[in-house]
Amino acid sequence: LQIAYPKEEVENKWGPEGWVWAGLRKAKNNVGRKFIKGNRYTPQDWVWPDGSSPTKFSKWFNTQQPDQAVQRRGQGGCKEKRCYQNNVRINHDGKWDDTYKYKKHPYACDYQGKYIISDTRQDSEGAKIQREE
């Protein structure tokens, strides 16, 4: 990420140039803030593109993550009845943030043991299609 998008050029820590899609997305309990008491993060609810879960590993940006905020149509870039933060982006420090699928970021993929960073910003669906090609 540093080579393609230098950290020094990041103006806003939440801006698109400071993050990359990693393919991790929430596949279960996906309708907002449904938390198990005392456990905000349930690894089995999240999956990588190969279908595996991150087990107990996580690198959330802060202790309030994942926060799974909800937006209604017309808020931010939400064009659906409701938009949920159920896709993960990763910053220069390797920290995770759950965010909306309509956000546009470059994507990273593991190709034969090497990470490739795209040079275009796409929403999470576009990044998923590119990773599969």
Protein backbone atom coordinates (compact mmCIF):
# COMPACT_ATOMS: atom_id res chain seq x y z
CA LEU A 1 0.00 0.00 0.00
CA GLN A 2 2.83 2.37 0.86
CA ILE A 3 4.39 2.00 -2.60
CA ALA A 4 1.15 2.57 -4.52
CA TYR A 5 -0.36 5.15 -2.17
CA PRO A 6 2.28 6.77 0.07
CA LYS A 7 1.15 7.43 3.64
CA GLU A 8 2.67 10.91 3.46
CA GLU A 9 0.08 11.84 0.82
CA VAL A 10 -2.91 10.86 2.95
CA GLU A 11 -4.69 14.07 3.90
CA ASN A 12 -7.58 12.57 5.86
CA LYS A 13 -7.17 9.36 7.88
CA TRP A 14 -10.70 8.30 6.82
CA GLY A 15 -10.27 9.38 3.16
CA PRO A 16 -10.17 6.86 0.29
CA GLU A 17 -6.43 7.22 -0.39
CA GLY A 18 -5.53 5.81 3.02
CA TRP A 19 -7.37 2.49 2.70
CA VAL A 20 -7.54 -0.63 0.55
CA TRP A 21 -10.25 -3.28 0.23
CA ALA A 22 -9.00 -6.60 1.56
CA GLY A 23 -11.97 -8.82 0.71
CA LEU A 24 -13.06 -9.48 4.29
CA ARG A 25 -16.82 -9.02 4.64
CA LYS A 26 -19.51 -9.78 7.16
CA ALA A 27 -21.60 -12.69 5.92
CA LYS A 28 -23.76 -13.44 8.99
CA ASN A 29 -25.83 -11.31 11.39
CA ASN A 30 -25.67 -8.61 8.79
CA VAL A 31 -28.58 -6.34 9.62
CA GLY A 32 -27.01 -3.74 11.85
CA ARG A 33 -25.78 -3.66 15.39
CA LYS A 34 -26.54 -7.18 16.59
CA PHE A 35 -23.88 -7.97 19.12
CA ILE A 36 -23.46 -10.88 21.43
CA LYS A 37 -23.33 -9.44 24.93
CA GLY A 38 -19.73 -8.59 25.79
CA ASN A 39 -18.46 -9.49 22.32
CA ARG A 40 -18.63 -6.90 19.54
CA TYR A 41 -16.59 -9.01 17.13
CA THR A 42 -17.58 -12.56 16.27
CA PRO A 43 -14.98 -13.91 13.80
CA GLN A 44 -17.33 -16.58 12.43
CA ASP A 45 -19.61 -13.81 11.08
CA TRP A 46 -16.81 -12.55 8.79
CA VAL A 47 -15.34 -14.31 5.73
CA TRP A 48 -12.37 -13.88 3.41
CA PRO A 49 -12.83 -14.35 -0.37
CA ASP A 50 -11.79 -18.02 -0.05
CA GLY A 51 -14.65 -18.63 2.43
CA SER A 52 -12.46 -18.92 5.53
CA SER A 53 -13.00 -16.88 8.68
CA PRO A 54 -10.27 -14.88 10.42
CA THR A 55 -10.59 -17.16 13.51
CA LYS A 56 -9.59 -15.13 16.56
CA PHE A 57 -7.27 -12.80 14.68
CA SER A 58 -8.28 -9.18 14.23
CA LYS A 59 -6.62 -5.80 13.83
CA TRP A 60 -9.52 -3.40 14.26
CA PHE A 61 -8.68 0.30 14.06
CA ASN A 62 -9.83 0.90 17.63
CA THR A 63 -11.78 -0.76 20.43
CA GLN A 64 -15.11 0.54 19.09
CA GLN A 65 -14.68 -1.51 15.90
CA PRO A 66 -16.51 -3.07 14.27
CA ASP A 67 -19.22 -0.52 14.90
CA GLN A 68 -21.50 -1.53 12.01
CA ALA A 69 -23.14 1.86 11.65
CA VAL A 70 -26.27 2.01 9.51
CA GLN A 71 -27.18 4.62 6.90
CA ARG A 72 -30.53 5.18 5.24
CA ARG A 73 -31.03 5.92 1.54
CA GLY A 74 -29.68 9.37 0.76
CA GLN A 75 -27.15 9.46 3.61
CA GLY A 76 -23.55 9.47 2.40
CA GLY A 77 -23.55 7.39 -0.77
CA CYS A 78 -26.30 4.99 0.33
CA LYS A 79 -28.67 4.17 -2.52
CA GLU A 80 -30.42 1.23 -0.85
CA LYS A 81 -33.13 1.28 1.81
CA ARG A 82 -30.36 0.74 4.38
CA CYS A 83 -26.59 0.41 4.06
CA TYR A 84 -24.55 -1.47 6.63
CA GLN A 85 -20.86 -1.35 7.42
CA ASN A 86 -20.15 -4.95 6.49
CA ASN A 87 -16.99 -4.74 4.37
CA VAL A 88 -13.47 -4.31 5.70
CA ARG A 89 -10.84 -1.89 4.49
CA ILE A 90 -7.25 -1.85 5.75
CA ASN A 91 -5.05 1.21 6.28
CA HIS A 92 -1.29 1.74 5.95
CA ASP A 93 -0.74 0.45 9.48
CA GLY A 94 -2.65 -2.77 8.77
CA LYS A 95 -5.61 -1.69 10.91
CA TRP A 96 -9.14 -2.77 9.96
CA ASP A 97 -12.24 -0.60 9.62
CA ASP A 98 -15.74 -1.81 8.80
CA THR A 99 -17.29 0.42 6.18
CA TYR A 100 -19.96 0.68 3.51
CA LYS A 101 -19.67 -1.25 0.26
CA TYR A 102 -20.30 1.87 -1.85
CA LYS A 103 -17.05 3.51 -0.71
CA LYS A 104 -14.35 3.55 -3.39
CA HIS A 105 -10.88 2.25 -2.58
CA PRO A 106 -8.12 0.38 -4.36
CA TYR A 107 -8.09 -3.31 -3.56
CA ALA A 108 -5.44 -5.79 -2.52
CA CYS A 109 -5.35 -9.42 -3.48
CA ASP A 110 -3.07 -12.32 -2.77
CA TYR A 111 -1.75 -13.72 -6.04
CA GLN A 112 0.47 -16.77 -5.66
CA GLY A 113 1.76 -15.56 -2.30
CA LYS A 114 2.31 -11.94 -3.35
CA TYR A 115 0.03 -9.01 -2.66
CA ILE A 116 -1.08 -6.93 -5.58
CA ILE A 117 -2.56 -3.45 -5.07
CA SER A 118 -4.88 -2.07 -7.75
CA ASP A 119 -4.35 1.36 -9.21
CA THR A 120 -8.07 2.17 -9.43
CA ARG A 121 -10.62 2.94 -6.75
CA GLN A 122 -13.72 0.79 -6.83
CA ASP A 123 -16.60 -0.08 -4.57
CA SER A 124 -16.37 -3.44 -2.81
CA GLU A 125 -18.41 -5.25 -5.50
CA GLY A 126 -16.13 -3.96 -8.28
CA ALA A 127 -13.07 -4.95 -6.29
CA LYS A 128 -14.52 -8.44 -5.77
CA ILE A 129 -15.03 -8.88 -9.52
CA GLN A 130 -11.49 -7.68 -10.26
CA ARG A 131 -9.97 -10.03 -7.67
CA GLU A 132 -11.78 -12.98 -9.28
CA GLU A 133 -10.49 -12.11 -12.75
